[in-house]
Amino acid sequence: MKKLLLIPLLCSFWSISLHAQSNIWKTKNAYLGQKPPGDKPEVFAEHLLVQRDTFPMDRVAFSDDGKEFFYPSNITWYNIDHAALRYFKFENGKWNGPFILFPHYFAPAFSADGDTIYLEGGKRDGKHSLVWQSHRTANGWSEPEVYLATRFATYDFMPTQSGTSYIGSVDVAGGRKDMDICTLKVTATDTIVKSLGPPVNTLGYEGDFFVAKDESYIILSDKESKTYECELWISFHKKDGSWTPPVSLGPDINNGVAHRWGQYVTPDGKYLFYSTGHGPQDCRIVWVRFDHLLAKLKKENLKS
């Protein structure tokens, strides 16, 4: 009887052990093996991401187990002719890459189950704004295929655990003329976007954002100037479904005039990544410790 009880216990132990081995977030190999930053933003893996003829830009993405890292690269801010989605993969005890996964694509966003990547870019038809998808297979990632085609502008598509998706778009029905952060609903006959409205959105442009998978907060590019410099602010989702007025992420992150976009929080919740620079010549991906700042801002802004 004791021997029979030992078998499931051993199976459980092996299962836990294998799961631990598959997750590298708490090891020295996490985040491409880079030394994590503190409360001040630091350039992320510059010697790995900056190639001779390209630089990294826009939103990045880690797989949930931390063993894949995807980032867009380009030679300019102004078109996607030379854009490419590149990636690193942790195998056989080391990070391998960078490899080009898909030319002309950018802004990766994982589905809730981690088996689909949503992308922007790709071949255009001149009539629609497109969101693409690629699926994880036994041999890697499938060729991108169209997930969503609309006759209105779309940008920064992000799925969440609830099934609600968020997207930068124009809520025509709501009388909006500039791009807002919107929810997206796809039915059998229609695609409906609905602006989150104020206080998250203003009369200006709100198209660059990151929404947490549990929809507890949104980090948005805010206070945009006429030449598109901006700051990173955060809004929290309240129990009644409304959103708090956005507040700044603080002077360490909003440390002077610069472009800031492509915001992204790692699956372990510890670090915020974003693109920043004054032009293509100094555009870099930076990262900063975020979990402590998030807890502080949440406590201050969700007071009952």
C-alpha atoms as a PDB file:
ATOM      1  CA  MET A   1       0.000   0.000   0.000  1.00  0.00           C
ATOM      2  CA  LYS A   2       2.829   2.399   0.874  1.00  0.00           C
ATOM      3  CA  LYS A   3       4.516   1.618  -2.446  1.00  0.00           C
ATOM      4  CA  LEU A   4       1.317   2.447  -4.333  1.00  0.00           C
ATOM      5  CA  LEU A   5       1.038   5.762  -2.515  1.00  0.00           C
ATOM      6  CA  LEU A   6       4.662   6.555  -3.346  1.00  0.00           C
ATOM      7  CA  ILE A   7       4.102   6.413  -7.124  1.00  0.00           C
ATOM      8  CA  PRO A   8       1.747   9.414  -7.415  1.00  0.00           C
ATOM      9  CA  LEU A   9       3.931  11.335  -4.951  1.00  0.00           C
ATOM     10  CA  LEU A  10       6.985  10.726  -7.144  1.00  0.00           C
ATOM     11  CA  CYS A  11       5.012  11.695 -10.248  1.00  0.00           C
ATOM     12  CA  SER A  12       3.961  14.916  -8.531  1.00  0.00           C
ATOM     13  CA  PHE A  13       7.577  15.636  -7.531  1.00  0.00           C
ATOM     14  CA  TRP A  14       8.826  15.019 -11.075  1.00  0.00           C
ATOM     15  CA  SER A  15       6.096  17.255 -12.470  1.00  0.00           C
ATOM     16  CA  ILE A  16       7.020  20.084 -10.093  1.00  0.00           C
ATOM     17  CA  SER A  17      10.716  19.584 -10.818  1.00  0.00           C
ATOM     18  CA  LEU A  18      10.210  19.717 -14.576  1.00  0.00           C
ATOM     19  CA  HIS A  19       8.048  22.837 -14.244  1.00  0.00           C
ATOM     20  CA  ALA A  20      10.755  24.515 -12.172  1.00  0.00           C
ATOM     21  CA  GLN A  21      13.363  23.651 -14.772  1.00  0.00           C
ATOM     22  CA  SER A  22      11.212  25.117 -17.547  1.00  0.00           C
ATOM     23  CA  ASN A  23      10.907  28.515 -15.816  1.00  0.00           C
ATOM     24  CA  ILE A  24      13.986  30.716 -15.702  1.00  0.00           C
ATOM     25  CA  TRP A  25      12.545  33.934 -14.247  1.00  0.00           C
ATOM     26  CA  LYS A  26      14.381  33.491 -10.935  1.00  0.00           C
ATOM     27  CA  THR A  27      17.684  32.358 -12.420  1.00  0.00           C
ATOM     28  CA  LYS A  28      20.724  34.251 -13.699  1.00  0.00           C
ATOM     29  CA  ASN A  29      19.664  33.409 -17.258  1.00  0.00           C
ATOM     30  CA  ALA A  30      16.434  35.431 -17.073  1.00  0.00           C
ATOM     31  CA  TYR A  31      16.005  38.497 -19.310  1.00  0.00           C
ATOM     32  CA  LEU A  32      18.730  37.392 -21.771  1.00  0.00           C
ATOM     33  CA  GLY A  33      21.098  37.074 -18.811  1.00  0.00           C
ATOM     34  CA  GLN A  34      21.178  40.855 -18.282  1.00  0.00           C
ATOM     35  CA  LYS A  35      21.748  42.421 -14.868  1.00  0.00           C
ATOM     36  CA  PRO A  36      18.354  43.753 -13.740  1.00  0.00           C
ATOM     37  CA  PRO A  37      17.970  47.515 -13.216  1.00  0.00           C
ATOM     38  CA  GLY A  38      16.726  49.363 -10.162  1.00  0.00           C
ATOM     39  CA  ASP A  39      14.354  52.320  -9.999  1.00  0.00           C
ATOM     40  CA  LYS A  40      16.071  54.226 -12.812  1.00  0.00           C
ATOM     41  CA  PRO A  41      15.651  53.092 -16.443  1.00  0.00           C
ATOM     42  CA  GLU A  42      18.646  51.465 -18.124  1.00  0.00           C
ATOM     43  CA  VAL A  43      19.242  50.455 -21.735  1.00  0.00           C
ATOM     44  CA  PHE A  44      18.366  46.788 -22.210  1.00  0.00           C
ATOM     45  CA  ALA A  45      20.939  44.459 -23.809  1.00  0.00           C
ATOM     46  CA  GLU A  46      22.275  47.129 -26.157  1.00  0.00           C
ATOM     47  CA  HIS A  47      25.201  44.977 -27.287  1.00  0.00           C
ATOM     48  CA  LEU A  48      22.768  42.197 -28.266  1.00  0.00           C
ATOM     49  CA  LEU A  49      19.900  44.160 -29.805  1.00  0.00           C
ATOM     50  CA  VAL A  50      21.681  46.935 -31.705  1.00  0.00           C
ATOM     51  CA  GLN A  51      22.950  45.496 -34.967  1.00  0.00           C
ATOM     52  CA  ARG A  52      25.323  47.192 -37.398  1.00  0.00           C
ATOM     53  CA  ASP A  53      22.508  48.440 -39.628  1.00  0.00           C
ATOM     54  CA  THR A  54      19.408  48.317 -37.356  1.00  0.00           C
ATOM     55  CA  PHE A  55      18.209  49.389 -33.939  1.00  0.00           C
ATOM     56  CA  PRO A  56      15.476  47.974 -31.641  1.00  0.00           C
ATOM     57  CA  MET A  57      12.204  49.846 -31.252  1.00  0.00           C
ATOM     58  CA  ASP A  58       8.537  49.498 -30.297  1.00  0.00           C
ATOM     59  CA  ARG A  59       6.999  46.850 -28.015  1.00  0.00           C
ATOM     60  CA  VAL A  60       8.881  43.693 -27.007  1.00  0.00           C
ATOM     61  CA  ALA A  61       7.478  40.432 -25.602  1.00  0.00           C
ATOM     62  CA  PHE A  62       8.702  37.529 -23.488  1.00  0.00           C
ATOM     63  CA  SER A  63       7.015  34.131 -23.551  1.00  0.00           C
ATOM     64  CA  ASP A  64       5.363  33.171 -20.256  1.00  0.00           C
ATOM     65  CA  ASP A  65       8.173  30.765 -19.366  1.00  0.00           C
ATOM     66  CA  GLY A  66      10.797  33.444 -20.082  1.00  0.00           C
ATOM     67  CA  LYS A  67      12.615  31.366 -22.691  1.00  0.00           C
ATOM     68  CA  GLU A  68      11.682  33.369 -25.779  1.00  0.00           C
ATOM     69  CA  PHE A  69      12.219  37.075 -26.336  1.00  0.00           C
ATOM     70  CA  PHE A  70      10.779  38.952 -29.319  1.00  0.00           C
ATOM     71  CA  TYR A  71      11.631  42.499 -30.386  1.00  0.00           C
ATOM     72  CA  PRO A  72      11.113  44.614 -33.520  1.00  0.00           C
ATOM     73  CA  SER A  73      14.030  46.267 -35.301  1.00  0.00           C
ATOM     74  CA  ASN A  74      14.228  48.892 -38.038  1.00  0.00           C
ATOM     75  CA  ILE A  75      16.506  51.470 -39.660  1.00  0.00           C
ATOM     76  CA  THR A  76      13.987  54.318 -39.316  1.00  0.00           C
ATOM     77  CA  TRP A  77      10.887  55.407 -37.435  1.00  0.00           C
ATOM     78  CA  TYR A  78       9.059  56.353 -40.586  1.00  0.00           C
ATOM     79  CA  ASN A  79       8.107  53.182 -42.487  1.00  0.00           C
ATOM     80  CA  ILE A  80       8.188  49.396 -42.145  1.00  0.00           C
ATOM     81  CA  ASP A  81      10.077  48.577 -45.352  1.00  0.00           C
ATOM     82  CA  HIS A  82      13.069  47.416 -43.308  1.00  0.00           C
ATOM     83  CA  ALA A  83      11.265  46.435 -40.120  1.00  0.00           C
ATOM     84  CA  ALA A  84      11.620  42.892 -38.797  1.00  0.00           C
ATOM     85  CA  LEU A  85      10.482  40.895 -35.800  1.00  0.00           C
ATOM     86  CA  ARG A  86      13.590  39.303 -34.297  1.00  0.00           C
ATOM     87  CA  TYR A  87      13.879  36.843 -31.426  1.00  0.00           C
ATOM     88  CA  PHE A  88      16.175  35.049 -29.007  1.00  0.00           C
ATOM     89  CA  LYS A  89      15.507  31.559 -27.665  1.00  0.00           C
ATOM     90  CA  PHE A  90      16.951  29.882 -24.582  1.00  0.00           C
ATOM     91  CA  GLU A  91      18.023  26.325 -25.463  1.00  0.00           C
ATOM     92  CA  ASN A  92      20.708  23.942 -24.260  1.00  0.00           C
ATOM     93  CA  GLY A  93      21.575  26.198 -21.351  1.00  0.00           C
ATOM     94  CA  LYS A  94      22.140  29.419 -23.323  1.00  0.00           C
ATOM     95  CA  TRP A  95      20.428  32.194 -25.255  1.00  0.00           C
ATOM     96  CA  ASN A  96      20.626  31.809 -29.028  1.00  0.00           C
ATOM     97  CA  GLY A  97      20.002  34.600 -31.546  1.00  0.00           C
ATOM     98  CA  PRO A  98      19.034  37.077 -32.645  1.00  0.00           C
ATOM     99  CA  PHE A  99      17.153  35.466 -35.519  1.00  0.00           C
ATOM    100  CA  ILE A 100      14.697  37.133 -37.860  1.00  0.00           C
ATOM    101  CA  LEU A 101      11.307  35.533 -37.312  1.00  0.00           C
ATOM    102  CA  PHE A 102       9.189  37.665 -39.681  1.00  0.00           C
ATOM    103  CA  PRO A 103      10.353  40.522 -41.916  1.00  0.00           C
ATOM    104  CA  HIS A 104       8.056  43.600 -41.989  1.00  0.00           C
ATOM    105  CA  TYR A 105       6.217  42.820 -38.733  1.00  0.00           C
ATOM    106  CA  PHE A 106       6.347  44.452 -35.293  1.00  0.00           C
ATOM    107  CA  ALA A 107       4.447  45.061 -31.985  1.00  0.00           C
ATOM    108  CA  PRO A 108       4.178  41.428 -30.757  1.00  0.00           C
ATOM    109  CA  ALA A 109       1.476  40.606 -28.188  1.00  0.00           C
ATOM    110  CA  PHE A 110       0.866  37.120 -26.780  1.00  0.00           C
ATOM    111  CA  SER A 111      -2.565  35.563 -26.402  1.00  0.00           C
ATOM    112  CA  ALA A 112      -3.653  34.606 -22.882  1.00  0.00           C
ATOM    113  CA  ASP A 113      -2.591  30.968 -23.426  1.00  0.00           C
ATOM    114  CA  GLY A 114       0.767  31.951 -24.966  1.00  0.00           C
ATOM    115  CA  ASP A 115       0.202  29.945 -28.152  1.00  0.00           C
ATOM    116  CA  THR A 116      -0.569  32.861 -30.484  1.00  0.00           C
ATOM    117  CA  ILE A 117       1.352  36.046 -31.234  1.00  0.00           C
ATOM    118  CA  TYR A 118      -0.577  39.019 -32.631  1.00  0.00           C
ATOM    119  CA  LEU A 119       1.366  41.392 -34.870  1.00  0.00           C
ATOM    120  CA  GLU A 120       1.184  44.609 -36.820  1.00  0.00           C
ATOM    121  CA  GLY A 121       2.754  45.389 -40.175  1.00  0.00           C
ATOM    122  CA  GLY A 122       2.904  42.860 -42.990  1.00  0.00           C
ATOM    123  CA  LYS A 123       1.601  43.202 -46.510  1.00  0.00           C
ATOM    124  CA  ARG A 124      -1.031  45.889 -46.922  1.00  0.00           C
ATOM    125  CA  ASP A 125      -4.030  45.773 -49.227  1.00  0.00           C
ATOM    126  CA  GLY A 126      -4.575  49.530 -49.328  1.00  0.00           C
ATOM    127  CA  LYS A 127      -8.129  49.231 -47.980  1.00  0.00           C
ATOM    128  CA  HIS A 128      -7.901  47.750 -44.492  1.00  0.00           C
ATOM    129  CA  SER A 129      -6.035  48.131 -41.253  1.00  0.00           C
ATOM    130  CA  LEU A 130      -4.761  44.659 -40.397  1.00  0.00           C
ATOM    131  CA  VAL A 131      -3.945  42.695 -37.265  1.00  0.00           C
ATOM    132  CA  TRP A 132      -2.040  39.474 -37.948  1.00  0.00           C
ATOM    133  CA  GLN A 133      -1.619  36.273 -35.962  1.00  0.00           C
ATOM    134  CA  SER A 134       0.981  33.509 -35.827  1.00  0.00           C
ATOM    135  CA  HIS A 135       0.476  30.219 -34.002  1.00  0.00           C
ATOM    136  CA  ARG A 136       2.962  28.137 -32.058  1.00  0.00           C
ATOM    137  CA  THR A 137       3.594  24.779 -33.738  1.00  0.00           C
ATOM    138  CA  ALA A 138       5.848  21.797 -33.134  1.00  0.00           C
ATOM    139  CA  ASN A 139       8.303  23.353 -35.590  1.00  0.00           C
ATOM    140  CA  GLY A 140       8.229  26.945 -34.366  1.00  0.00           C
ATOM    141  CA  TRP A 141       5.795  29.693 -35.408  1.00  0.00           C
ATOM    142  CA  SER A 142       3.397  29.564 -38.344  1.00  0.00           C
ATOM    143  CA  GLU A 143       3.454  32.143 -41.123  1.00  0.00           C
ATOM    144  CA  PRO A 144       1.363  35.189 -40.151  1.00  0.00           C
ATOM    145  CA  GLU A 145      -2.241  35.246 -41.306  1.00  0.00           C
ATOM    146  CA  VAL A 146      -4.842  37.980 -41.032  1.00  0.00           C
ATOM    147  CA  TYR A 147      -6.753  37.908 -37.744  1.00  0.00           C
ATOM    148  CA  LEU A 148      -8.615  41.199 -38.131  1.00  0.00           C
ATOM    149  CA  ALA A 149      -9.221  43.517 -41.108  1.00  0.00           C
ATOM    150  CA  THR A 150     -11.027  46.807 -40.566  1.00  0.00           C
ATOM    151  CA  ARG A 151     -11.739  49.893 -42.644  1.00  0.00           C
ATOM    152  CA  PHE A 152     -10.904  52.096 -39.671  1.00  0.00           C
ATOM    153  CA  ALA A 153      -7.500  52.663 -38.143  1.00  0.00           C
ATOM    154  CA  THR A 154      -6.233  50.153 -35.600  1.00  0.00           C
ATOM    155  CA  TYR A 155      -3.045  50.145 -33.554  1.00  0.00           C
ATOM    156  CA  ASP A 156      -1.486  48.343 -30.568  1.00  0.00           C
ATOM    157  CA  PHE A 157      -3.837  45.341 -30.380  1.00  0.00           C
ATOM    158  CA  MET A 158      -3.704  43.629 -26.991  1.00  0.00           C
ATOM    159  CA  PRO A 159      -5.768  40.608 -25.807  1.00  0.00           C
ATOM    160  CA  THR A 160      -6.531  39.927 -22.128  1.00  0.00           C
ATOM    161  CA  GLN A 161      -7.488  36.963 -19.956  1.00  0.00           C
ATOM    162  CA  SER A 162     -11.180  37.880 -19.909  1.00  0.00           C
ATOM    163  CA  GLY A 163     -11.457  37.701 -23.701  1.00  0.00           C
ATOM    164  CA  THR A 164     -11.819  41.475 -24.025  1.00  0.00           C
ATOM    165  CA  SER A 165      -9.267  42.966 -26.393  1.00  0.00           C
ATOM    166  CA  TYR A 166      -7.945  46.519 -26.354  1.00  0.00           C
ATOM    167  CA  ILE A 167      -6.824  48.523 -29.357  1.00  0.00           C
ATOM    168  CA  GLY A 168      -5.921  52.026 -30.391  1.00  0.00           C
ATOM    169  CA  SER A 169      -8.657  53.186 -32.755  1.00  0.00           C
ATOM    170  CA  VAL A 170     -11.238  55.833 -33.587  1.00  0.00           C
ATOM    171  CA  ASP A 171     -14.653  55.448 -31.963  1.00  0.00           C
ATOM    172  CA  VAL A 172     -16.707  56.962 -34.769  1.00  0.00           C
ATOM    173  CA  ALA A 173     -19.989  56.130 -33.073  1.00  0.00           C
ATOM    174  CA  GLY A 174     -18.803  57.967 -29.981  1.00  0.00           C
ATOM    175  CA  GLY A 175     -17.988  61.079 -31.957  1.00  0.00           C
ATOM    176  CA  ARG A 176     -14.218  60.755 -31.572  1.00  0.00           C
ATOM    177  CA  LYS A 177     -11.878  61.988 -34.294  1.00  0.00           C
ATOM    178  CA  ASP A 178      -8.465  61.165 -32.844  1.00  0.00           C
ATOM    179  CA  MET A 179      -7.157  57.758 -31.779  1.00  0.00           C
ATOM    180  CA  ASP A 180      -8.337  56.517 -28.371  1.00  0.00           C
ATOM    181  CA  ILE A 181      -7.692  53.461 -26.251  1.00  0.00           C
ATOM    182  CA  CYS A 182     -10.729  51.312 -27.006  1.00  0.00           C
ATOM    183  CA  THR A 183     -12.212  47.935 -26.237  1.00  0.00           C
ATOM    184  CA  LEU A 184     -12.726  45.684 -29.244  1.00  0.00           C
ATOM    185  CA  LYS A 185     -15.618  43.303 -29.797  1.00  0.00           C
ATOM    186  CA  VAL A 186     -15.775  41.014 -32.825  1.00  0.00           C
ATOM    187  CA  THR A 187     -19.166  39.497 -33.693  1.00  0.00           C
ATOM    188  CA  ALA A 188     -20.242  37.286 -36.573  1.00  0.00           C
ATOM    189  CA  THR A 189     -21.322  40.344 -38.551  1.00  0.00           C
ATOM    190  CA  ASP A 190     -19.375  43.310 -37.204  1.00  0.00           C
ATOM    191  CA  THR A 191     -16.279  44.635 -35.482  1.00  0.00           C
ATOM    192  CA  ILE A 192     -17.089  47.186 -32.787  1.00  0.00           C
ATOM    193  CA  VAL A 193     -14.678  49.515 -31.035  1.00  0.00           C
ATOM    194  CA  LYS A 194     -15.709  51.545 -28.007  1.00  0.00           C
ATOM    195  CA  SER A 195     -13.551  54.267 -26.504  1.00  0.00           C
ATOM    196  CA  LEU A 196     -12.776  53.990 -22.802  1.00  0.00           C
ATOM    197  CA  GLY A 197     -13.574  57.683 -22.751  1.00  0.00           C
ATOM    198  CA  PRO A 198     -12.353  60.080 -20.093  1.00  0.00           C
ATOM    199  CA  PRO A 199     -10.401  60.165 -17.895  1.00  0.00           C
ATOM    200  CA  VAL A 200      -8.144  57.674 -19.748  1.00  0.00           C
ATOM    201  CA  ASN A 201      -8.661  59.331 -23.136  1.00  0.00           C
ATOM    202  CA  THR A 202      -8.489  63.041 -23.919  1.00  0.00           C
ATOM    203  CA  LEU A 203      -9.202  65.092 -27.026  1.00  0.00           C
ATOM    204  CA  GLY A 204      -5.643  64.298 -28.145  1.00  0.00           C
ATOM    205  CA  TYR A 205      -3.948  61.099 -29.303  1.00  0.00           C
ATOM    206  CA  GLU A 206      -3.990  58.014 -27.072  1.00  0.00           C
ATOM    207  CA  GLY A 207      -2.834  55.125 -29.199  1.00  0.00           C
ATOM    208  CA  ASP A 208       0.277  53.818 -27.435  1.00  0.00           C
ATOM    209  CA  PHE A 209      -0.503  51.741 -24.349  1.00  0.00           C
ATOM    210  CA  PHE A 210      -0.076  48.496 -22.445  1.00  0.00           C
ATOM    211  CA  VAL A 211      -2.955  46.807 -20.638  1.00  0.00           C
ATOM    212  CA  ALA A 212      -2.311  44.194 -17.952  1.00  0.00           C
ATOM    213  CA  LYS A 213      -3.585  40.705 -18.769  1.00  0.00           C
ATOM    214  CA  ASP A 214      -6.008  40.943 -15.837  1.00  0.00           C
ATOM    215  CA  GLU A 215      -7.054  44.466 -16.961  1.00  0.00           C
ATOM    216  CA  SER A 216      -6.081  45.905 -13.585  1.00  0.00           C
ATOM    217  CA  TYR A 217      -4.155  48.819 -15.111  1.00  0.00           C
ATOM    218  CA  ILE A 218      -3.216  50.557 -18.349  1.00  0.00           C
ATOM    219  CA  ILE A 219       0.113  52.284 -18.978  1.00  0.00           C
ATOM    220  CA  LEU A 220      -0.364  54.935 -21.646  1.00  0.00           C
ATOM    221  CA  SER A 221       1.758  57.457 -23.504  1.00  0.00           C
ATOM    222  CA  ASP A 222       0.322  60.775 -22.357  1.00  0.00           C
ATOM    223  CA  LYS A 223       0.931  64.541 -22.489  1.00  0.00           C
ATOM    224  CA  GLU A 224       1.976  64.243 -26.130  1.00  0.00           C
ATOM    225  CA  SER A 225       3.566  67.342 -27.676  1.00  0.00           C
ATOM    226  CA  LYS A 226       3.098  68.621 -31.236  1.00  0.00           C
ATOM    227  CA  THR A 227       6.301  66.772 -32.160  1.00  0.00           C
ATOM    228  CA  TYR A 228       5.081  63.542 -30.441  1.00  0.00           C
ATOM    229  CA  GLU A 229       7.279  63.562 -27.343  1.00  0.00           C
ATOM    230  CA  CYS A 230       5.345  62.162 -24.400  1.00  0.00           C
ATOM    231  CA  GLU A 231       5.433  60.708 -20.894  1.00  0.00           C
ATOM    232  CA  LEU A 232       4.306  57.387 -19.423  1.00  0.00           C
ATOM    233  CA  TRP A 233       1.272  57.551 -17.122  1.00  0.00           C
ATOM    234  CA  ILE A 234      -0.897  54.870 -15.515  1.00  0.00           C
ATOM    235  CA  SER A 235      -4.630  54.386 -14.901  1.00  0.00           C
ATOM    236  CA  PHE A 236      -6.141  51.713 -12.630  1.00  0.00           C
ATOM    237  CA  HIS A 237      -9.320  49.713 -13.239  1.00  0.00           C
ATOM    238  CA  LYS A 238     -11.829  50.220 -10.421  1.00  0.00           C
ATOM    239  CA  LYS A 239     -14.312  47.645  -9.113  1.00  0.00           C
ATOM    240  CA  ASP A 240     -17.208  49.547 -10.686  1.00  0.00           C
ATOM    241  CA  GLY A 241     -15.617  49.187 -14.153  1.00  0.00           C
ATOM    242  CA  SER A 242     -14.427  52.770 -14.421  1.00  0.00           C
ATOM    243  CA  TRP A 243     -10.808  53.906 -14.626  1.00  0.00           C
ATOM    244  CA  THR A 244      -8.879  56.246 -12.341  1.00  0.00           C
ATOM    245  CA  PRO A 245      -7.475  59.529 -13.711  1.00  0.00           C
ATOM    246  CA  PRO A 246      -4.027  58.728 -15.150  1.00  0.00           C
ATOM    247  CA  VAL A 247      -0.994  59.710 -13.054  1.00  0.00           C
ATOM    248  CA  SER A 248       2.664  59.982 -13.990  1.00  0.00           C
ATOM    249  CA  LEU A 249       5.047  57.068 -13.479  1.00  0.00           C
ATOM    250  CA  GLY A 250       7.367  59.624 -11.937  1.00  0.00           C
ATOM    251  CA  PRO A 251      10.505  61.656 -12.673  1.00  0.00           C
ATOM    252  CA  ASP A 252      12.850  58.680 -12.961  1.00  0.00           C
ATOM    253  CA  ILE A 253      10.893  57.384 -15.973  1.00  0.00           C
ATOM    254  CA  ASN A 254       9.649  60.722 -17.329  1.00  0.00           C
ATOM    255  CA  ASN A 255      13.116  62.232 -17.055  1.00  0.00           C
ATOM    256  CA  GLY A 256      13.022  64.948 -19.707  1.00  0.00           C
ATOM    257  CA  VAL A 257      11.626  65.506 -23.181  1.00  0.00           C
ATOM    258  CA  ALA A 258      11.647  62.309 -25.254  1.00  0.00           C
ATOM    259  CA  HIS A 259       9.498  59.901 -27.226  1.00  0.00           C
ATOM    260  CA  ARG A 260       8.240  57.049 -25.036  1.00  0.00           C
ATOM    261  CA  TRP A 261       6.138  54.218 -26.422  1.00  0.00           C
ATOM    262  CA  GLY A 262       5.987  50.427 -26.807  1.00  0.00           C
ATOM    263  CA  GLN A 263       5.395  49.992 -23.062  1.00  0.00           C
ATOM    264  CA  TYR A 264       5.349  46.386 -21.861  1.00  0.00           C
ATOM    265  CA  VAL A 265       5.472  44.636 -18.481  1.00  0.00           C
ATOM    266  CA  THR A 266       7.202  41.252 -18.197  1.00  0.00           C
ATOM    267  CA  PRO A 267       5.037  38.180 -17.439  1.00  0.00           C
ATOM    268  CA  ASP A 268       6.501  37.976 -13.916  1.00  0.00           C
ATOM    269  CA  GLY A 269       5.329  41.552 -13.294  1.00  0.00           C
ATOM    270  CA  LYS A 270       8.743  42.815 -12.226  1.00  0.00           C
ATOM    271  CA  TYR A 271       9.972  45.043 -15.051  1.00  0.00           C
ATOM    272  CA  LEU A 272       8.629  47.693 -17.393  1.00  0.00           C
ATOM    273  CA  PHE A 273      10.134  47.882 -20.877  1.00  0.00           C
ATOM    274  CA  TYR A 274       9.601  50.714 -23.364  1.00  0.00           C
ATOM    275  CA  SER A 275      11.157  52.413 -26.378  1.00  0.00           C
ATOM    276  CA  THR A 276      12.604  55.878 -25.967  1.00  0.00           C
ATOM    277  CA  GLY A 277      14.768  58.377 -27.791  1.00  0.00           C
ATOM    278  CA  HIS A 278      14.856  61.727 -29.533  1.00  0.00           C
ATOM    279  CA  GLY A 279      15.113  60.227 -33.000  1.00  0.00           C
ATOM    280  CA  PRO A 280      16.174  57.052 -34.816  1.00  0.00           C
ATOM    281  CA  GLN A 281      19.816  57.789 -34.026  1.00  0.00           C
ATOM    282  CA  ASP A 282      19.421  57.270 -30.257  1.00  0.00           C
ATOM    283  CA  CYS A 283      16.307  55.057 -30.065  1.00  0.00           C
ATOM    284  CA  ARG A 284      16.762  52.230 -27.578  1.00  0.00           C
ATOM    285  CA  ILE A 285      14.759  49.729 -25.521  1.00  0.00           C
ATOM    286  CA  VAL A 286      15.038  50.496 -21.803  1.00  0.00           C
ATOM    287  CA  TRP A 287      13.802  48.653 -18.718  1.00  0.00           C
ATOM    288  CA  VAL A 288      13.168  49.598 -15.100  1.00  0.00           C
ATOM    289  CA  ARG A 289      12.023  47.860 -11.905  1.00  0.00           C
ATOM    290  CA  PHE A 290       8.246  48.221 -11.857  1.00  0.00           C
ATOM    291  CA  ASP A 291       6.525  45.987  -9.284  1.00  0.00           C
ATOM    292  CA  HIS A 292       7.348  48.212  -6.304  1.00  0.00           C
ATOM    293  CA  LEU A 293       6.317  51.366  -8.175  1.00  0.00           C
ATOM    294  CA  LEU A 294       3.089  49.682  -9.290  1.00  0.00           C
ATOM    295  CA  ALA A 295       2.180  48.720  -5.725  1.00  0.00           C
ATOM    296  CA  LYS A 296       2.877  52.250  -4.505  1.00  0.00           C
ATOM    297  CA  LEU A 297       0.811  53.959  -7.221  1.00  0.00           C
ATOM    298  CA  LYS A 298      -2.012  51.447  -6.852  1.00  0.00           C
ATOM    299  CA  LYS A 299      -2.245  52.109  -3.122  1.00  0.00           C
ATOM    300  CA  GLU A 300      -2.281  55.876  -3.694  1.00  0.00           C
ATOM    301  CA  ASN A 301      -4.842  55.845  -6.495  1.00  0.00           C
ATOM    302  CA  LEU A 302      -7.298  53.136  -5.449  1.00  0.00           C
ATOM    303  CA  LYS A 303      -8.089  54.474  -2.006  1.00  0.00           C
ATOM    304  CA  SER A 304     -11.639  53.631  -0.989  1.00  0.00           C
END
